[in-house]
């Protein structure tokens, strides 16, 4: 089968998604890399280029999503589908969807500009402030009290909208759940809010609770390949982030995550590629 991976320059030399590309090549598939910030893309002949599926691995505001949507619009399978990607890449929407389904997530405010943080009641502090279009744990700030707002400097203040979430006490490290189809794997990783806590990024046992939570998230959003960040609290697991096609290089490279949704073997059918979810 023939795949088109839409990637950006920052991912070209990283293990993810290149390790998946290498695995597909070893299985006998063909893979083309499309870098939309380096080359023009002819939309006129999308249907005649012979791709069985398009796969997107780009940053939230990159041009790749437009190309993926164009391919989807003319009937070419995509991983993930564009609606699912939109839902999780806008963290305000993702938060509302998770909340509406009764899943554990911190109390959250939408904040158009950091100056509006003064309107959040003091009893909801500490706050975790992050861009609605953020990724890779960048631009995350902890604000312990309203007094800290006077000295808070947010680099993304004029280029992003924000979420302000009530900080929940936890174990001090994050659990990253990597999901491909029905396969779920858990990895412990350092929290951007607790850099002082030493954590070796490593696989950990997956509890039935976490597996159920991860698969429920995928069903809600219609995702094929995705990840979610979870923290363990005294009241159970709490979801703090969701992303499409996570940069799970450790999980992939160490053979923890097999990408069965993309292609499990050379004779994989198109239906299996999509995992029945797109």
Protein backbone atom coordinates (compact mmCIF):
# COMPACT_ATOMS: atom_id res chain seq x y z
CA UNK A 1 0.00 0.00 0.00
CA UNK A 2 1.07 3.59 -0.54
CA UNK A 3 0.96 6.25 2.17
CA UNK A 4 1.58 9.98 2.19
CA UNK A 5 2.96 11.33 5.47
CA UNK A 6 2.41 15.07 5.82
CA UNK A 7 5.15 16.35 8.11
CA UNK A 8 6.93 19.58 8.94
CA UNK A 9 10.64 20.34 9.02
CA UNK A 10 10.86 20.00 12.81
CA UNK A 11 9.77 16.36 12.58
CA UNK A 12 11.91 15.44 9.58
CA UNK A 13 14.86 14.30 11.70
CA UNK A 14 12.95 13.15 14.76
CA UNK A 15 12.21 9.53 15.61
CA UNK A 16 8.48 10.20 15.43
CA UNK A 17 7.02 9.80 12.88
CA UNK A 18 10.09 8.55 11.02
CA UNK A 19 10.26 5.32 13.02
CA UNK A 20 6.72 4.51 11.86
CA UNK A 21 7.70 5.35 8.29
CA UNK A 22 10.68 3.00 8.53
CA UNK A 23 8.49 0.22 9.91
CA UNK A 24 6.00 0.60 7.08
CA UNK A 25 8.83 0.41 4.55
CA UNK A 26 10.11 -2.77 6.22
CA UNK A 27 6.63 -4.26 5.90
CA UNK A 28 6.77 -3.63 2.18
CA UNK A 29 4.62 -0.52 1.91
CA UNK A 30 5.46 2.64 -0.02
CA UNK A 31 5.72 5.93 1.88
CA UNK A 32 6.05 9.44 0.46
CA UNK A 33 6.95 12.38 2.70
CA UNK A 34 5.19 15.65 1.99
CA UNK A 35 6.59 18.78 3.64
CA UNK A 36 4.09 21.57 2.89
CA UNK A 37 6.42 24.33 4.10
CA UNK A 38 9.03 23.28 1.53
CA UNK A 39 7.07 22.36 -1.58
CA UNK A 40 3.88 23.20 -3.44
CA UNK A 41 1.12 20.62 -3.50
CA UNK A 42 -0.98 20.06 -6.60
CA UNK A 43 -4.59 19.75 -5.50
CA UNK A 44 -5.89 19.15 -9.01
CA UNK A 45 -4.65 15.56 -9.20
CA UNK A 46 -5.05 14.41 -5.60
CA UNK A 47 -7.25 11.51 -6.66
CA UNK A 48 -4.81 10.27 -9.29
CA UNK A 49 -1.66 10.19 -7.17
CA UNK A 50 -2.42 6.68 -5.94
CA UNK A 51 -2.21 7.14 -2.17
CA UNK A 52 -4.21 4.71 -0.05
CA UNK A 53 -4.14 7.04 2.96
CA UNK A 54 -2.77 10.36 4.18
CA UNK A 55 -1.22 10.60 7.64
CA UNK A 56 -0.73 13.94 9.40
CA UNK A 57 2.11 14.78 11.79
CA UNK A 58 2.34 18.56 12.06
CA UNK A 59 2.04 21.30 14.66
CA UNK A 60 -1.39 22.74 15.46
CA UNK A 61 -1.17 25.83 13.27
CA UNK A 62 0.77 24.31 10.39
CA UNK A 63 -0.39 24.09 6.76
CA UNK A 64 -0.57 20.31 6.70
CA UNK A 65 -4.13 20.09 8.01
CA UNK A 66 -5.46 21.89 4.93
CA UNK A 67 -3.90 19.28 2.67
CA UNK A 68 -5.25 16.46 4.81
CA UNK A 69 -8.74 17.97 4.63
CA UNK A 70 -8.45 18.31 0.87
CA UNK A 71 -7.54 14.62 0.55
CA UNK A 72 -10.41 13.69 2.84
CA UNK A 73 -12.82 15.84 0.85
CA UNK A 74 -12.12 13.87 -2.33
CA UNK A 75 -12.57 10.51 -0.62
CA UNK A 76 -9.04 9.52 0.33
CA UNK A 77 -8.75 7.92 3.80
CA UNK A 78 -6.89 9.97 6.40
CA UNK A 79 -5.34 9.17 9.77
CA UNK A 80 -6.72 10.77 11.84
CA UNK A 81 -9.81 12.30 10.26
CA UNK A 82 -9.84 16.09 10.11
CA UNK A 83 -12.85 16.57 12.39
CA UNK A 84 -11.18 14.56 15.14
CA UNK A 85 -7.97 16.53 14.73
CA UNK A 86 -9.82 19.85 14.98
CA UNK A 87 -11.63 18.71 18.11
CA UNK A 88 -8.46 17.84 20.02
CA UNK A 89 -6.14 20.52 18.67
CA UNK A 90 -8.38 23.27 20.01
CA UNK A 91 -8.02 22.48 23.68
CA UNK A 92 -11.05 24.59 24.58
CA UNK A 93 -13.26 22.36 22.44
CA UNK A 94 -11.57 19.19 23.69
CA UNK A 95 -12.10 20.25 27.30
CA UNK A 96 -15.80 20.93 26.74
CA UNK A 97 -16.29 17.58 25.01
CA UNK A 98 -14.55 15.64 27.77
CA UNK A 99 -16.54 17.49 30.42
CA UNK A 100 -19.82 16.89 28.59
CA UNK A 101 -19.16 13.15 28.65
CA UNK A 102 -18.61 13.15 32.38
CA UNK A 103 -14.93 12.23 32.26
CA UNK A 104 -12.48 13.50 34.90
CA UNK A 105 -10.93 16.84 33.93
CA UNK A 106 -9.99 19.90 36.02
CA UNK A 107 -12.29 22.90 36.33
CA UNK A 108 -11.39 25.03 33.32
CA UNK A 109 -11.83 28.61 32.12
CA UNK A 110 -11.35 29.97 28.60
CA UNK A 111 -9.20 33.10 28.71
CA UNK A 112 -8.80 35.27 25.61
CA UNK A 113 -5.86 37.20 27.13
CA UNK A 114 -3.79 36.68 30.31
CA UNK A 115 -4.94 40.04 31.71
CA UNK A 116 -8.37 38.43 32.21
CA UNK A 117 -6.97 35.91 34.68
CA UNK A 118 -7.72 38.42 37.44
CA UNK A 119 -11.41 37.56 37.02
CA UNK A 120 -10.98 33.96 38.18
CA UNK A 121 -11.99 33.53 41.85
CA UNK A 122 -9.11 33.07 44.28
CA UNK A 123 -10.51 29.80 45.62
CA UNK A 124 -9.71 28.12 42.29
CA UNK A 125 -5.98 28.70 42.59
CA UNK A 126 -3.40 27.35 41.93
CA UNK A 127 -4.04 27.62 38.20
CA UNK A 128 -2.39 25.94 35.24
CA UNK A 129 -2.38 28.31 32.26
CA UNK A 130 -1.67 26.99 28.76
CA UNK A 131 -2.39 27.95 25.13
CA UNK A 132 -5.50 26.47 23.54
CA UNK A 133 -3.35 25.49 20.55
CA UNK A 134 -0.33 24.31 22.49
CA UNK A 135 1.69 21.14 21.98
CA UNK A 136 4.73 19.28 23.31
CA UNK A 137 4.28 20.75 26.82
CA UNK A 138 5.29 24.23 25.66
CA UNK A 139 3.86 27.41 27.15
CA UNK A 140 2.52 25.88 30.37
CA UNK A 141 2.53 28.10 33.47
CA UNK A 142 1.57 27.47 37.08
CA UNK A 143 0.10 30.43 38.96
CA UNK A 144 -0.13 29.78 42.69
CA UNK A 145 -2.12 32.85 43.72
CA UNK A 146 -3.69 36.03 42.27
CA UNK A 147 -0.68 37.95 43.61
CA UNK A 148 1.54 36.08 41.14
CA UNK A 149 -0.33 37.60 38.20
CA UNK A 150 1.52 40.89 38.67
CA UNK A 151 4.82 39.26 37.68
CA UNK A 152 3.50 36.61 35.30
CA UNK A 153 5.08 36.88 31.86
CA UNK A 154 3.50 34.73 29.16
CA UNK A 155 5.44 34.65 25.91
CA UNK A 156 2.37 33.64 23.90
CA UNK A 157 0.16 36.42 25.34
CA UNK A 158 -0.56 38.11 22.02
CA UNK A 159 -0.54 35.07 19.75
CA UNK A 160 -2.80 32.55 21.51
CA UNK A 161 -5.93 32.11 23.54
CA UNK A 162 -5.60 30.22 26.81
CA UNK A 163 -7.08 27.72 29.19
CA UNK A 164 -6.83 28.28 32.92
CA UNK A 165 -7.31 25.01 34.74
CA UNK A 166 -7.50 24.43 38.45
CA UNK A 167 -4.34 22.62 39.51
CA UNK A 168 -5.08 19.20 41.00
CA UNK A 169 -2.71 17.67 43.52
CA UNK A 170 -1.06 14.60 42.06
CA UNK A 171 1.91 12.27 42.26
CA UNK A 172 4.23 14.79 40.59
CA UNK A 173 4.63 13.01 37.27
CA UNK A 174 2.44 12.51 34.20
CA UNK A 175 1.22 9.28 32.68
CA UNK A 176 1.18 9.34 28.89
CA UNK A 177 -1.24 6.91 27.32
CA UNK A 178 -0.41 6.00 23.71
CA UNK A 179 -3.23 4.50 21.69
CA UNK A 180 -3.25 2.89 18.25
CA UNK A 181 -6.61 1.36 17.47
CA UNK A 182 -7.44 -0.90 20.41
CA UNK A 183 -3.86 -1.06 21.69
CA UNK A 184 -3.06 1.11 24.73
CA UNK A 185 0.33 1.61 26.36
CA UNK A 186 1.29 3.67 29.41
CA UNK A 187 4.53 5.58 29.94
CA UNK A 188 5.62 7.60 32.99
CA UNK A 189 7.14 10.97 32.11
CA UNK A 190 8.27 14.14 33.83
CA UNK A 191 5.62 16.78 34.41
CA UNK A 192 6.27 20.31 33.08
CA UNK A 193 4.79 21.53 36.37
CA UNK A 194 7.18 19.46 38.48
CA UNK A 195 10.60 19.63 36.82
CA UNK A 196 12.20 18.97 40.19
CA UNK A 197 10.74 15.45 40.27
CA UNK A 198 13.14 13.04 38.60
CA UNK A 199 11.29 10.63 36.31
CA UNK A 200 12.85 8.12 33.95
CA UNK A 201 10.59 8.03 30.92
CA UNK A 202 9.62 4.38 30.99
CA UNK A 203 6.73 2.01 30.33
CA UNK A 204 4.52 1.27 33.30
CA UNK A 205 1.74 -1.28 33.88
CA UNK A 206 -1.57 -0.31 32.35
CA UNK A 207 -4.49 -0.52 34.76
CA UNK A 208 -7.97 -1.52 33.54
CA UNK A 209 -9.17 1.95 34.58
CA UNK A 210 -6.62 3.74 32.41
CA UNK A 211 -7.25 1.46 29.45
CA UNK A 212 -10.99 2.08 29.66
CA UNK A 213 -10.43 5.84 29.94
CA UNK A 214 -8.07 5.92 26.95
CA UNK A 215 -10.39 3.94 24.68
CA UNK A 216 -13.38 6.01 25.76
CA UNK A 217 -11.54 9.18 24.74
CA UNK A 218 -10.80 7.69 21.32
CA UNK A 219 -14.43 6.71 20.82
CA UNK A 220 -15.69 10.16 21.81
CA UNK A 221 -13.36 12.00 19.44
CA UNK A 222 -13.23 9.41 16.65
CA UNK A 223 -9.43 9.10 16.84
CA UNK A 224 -7.33 6.28 15.38
CA UNK A 225 -3.87 7.17 16.71
CA UNK A 226 -3.67 9.50 19.69
CA UNK A 227 -2.32 10.15 23.13
CA UNK A 228 -3.55 11.58 26.40
CA UNK A 229 -1.80 12.89 29.48
CA UNK A 230 -3.21 11.78 32.80
CA UNK A 231 -2.29 12.56 36.40
CA UNK A 232 -3.07 10.34 39.35
CA UNK A 233 -4.85 12.09 42.23
CA UNK A 234 -6.39 11.00 45.51
CA UNK A 235 -9.72 10.88 43.66
CA UNK A 236 -8.49 8.84 40.73
CA UNK A 237 -7.13 9.60 37.25
CA UNK A 238 -7.64 13.05 35.73
CA UNK A 239 -7.18 13.93 32.04
CA UNK A 240 -5.02 17.02 31.48
CA UNK A 241 -4.31 16.84 27.74
CA UNK A 242 -5.26 15.01 24.52
CA UNK A 243 -3.38 15.03 21.24
CA UNK A 244 -3.56 13.39 17.84
CA UNK A 245 -0.55 11.35 16.70
CA UNK A 246 1.62 11.98 19.79
CA UNK A 247 5.39 12.20 19.66
CA UNK A 248 5.80 8.94 21.52
CA UNK A 249 9.30 8.18 20.34
CA UNK A 250 10.17 6.10 23.39
CA UNK A 251 7.06 3.98 23.09
CA UNK A 252 7.49 3.44 19.38
CA UNK A 253 11.23 2.91 19.29
CA UNK A 254 11.27 0.43 22.15
CA UNK A 255 8.58 -1.64 20.50
CA UNK A 256 5.94 -0.80 23.07
CA UNK A 257 3.55 0.63 20.52
CA UNK A 258 2.85 -1.31 17.35
CA UNK A 259 1.02 0.94 14.84
CA UNK A 260 -1.70 -1.52 13.73
CA UNK A 261 -4.09 1.22 12.69
CA UNK A 262 -1.79 2.38 9.92
CA UNK A 263 -0.89 -1.04 8.59
CA UNK A 264 -0.33 -4.29 10.40
CA UNK A 265 0.95 -6.35 7.50
CA UNK A 266 1.56 -5.93 3.75
CA UNK A 267 -1.89 -7.23 2.78
CA UNK A 268 -3.78 -4.98 5.19
CA UNK A 269 -7.17 -3.89 3.95
CA UNK A 270 -8.25 -0.27 3.80
CA UNK A 271 -10.89 -0.92 6.45
CA UNK A 272 -8.23 -2.19 8.84
CA UNK A 273 -6.04 0.85 8.14
CA UNK A 274 -8.82 3.05 9.38
CA UNK A 275 -9.46 0.90 12.41
CA UNK A 276 -13.18 1.17 11.73
CA UNK A 277 -13.18 4.62 13.33
CA UNK A 278 -12.89 7.06 10.45
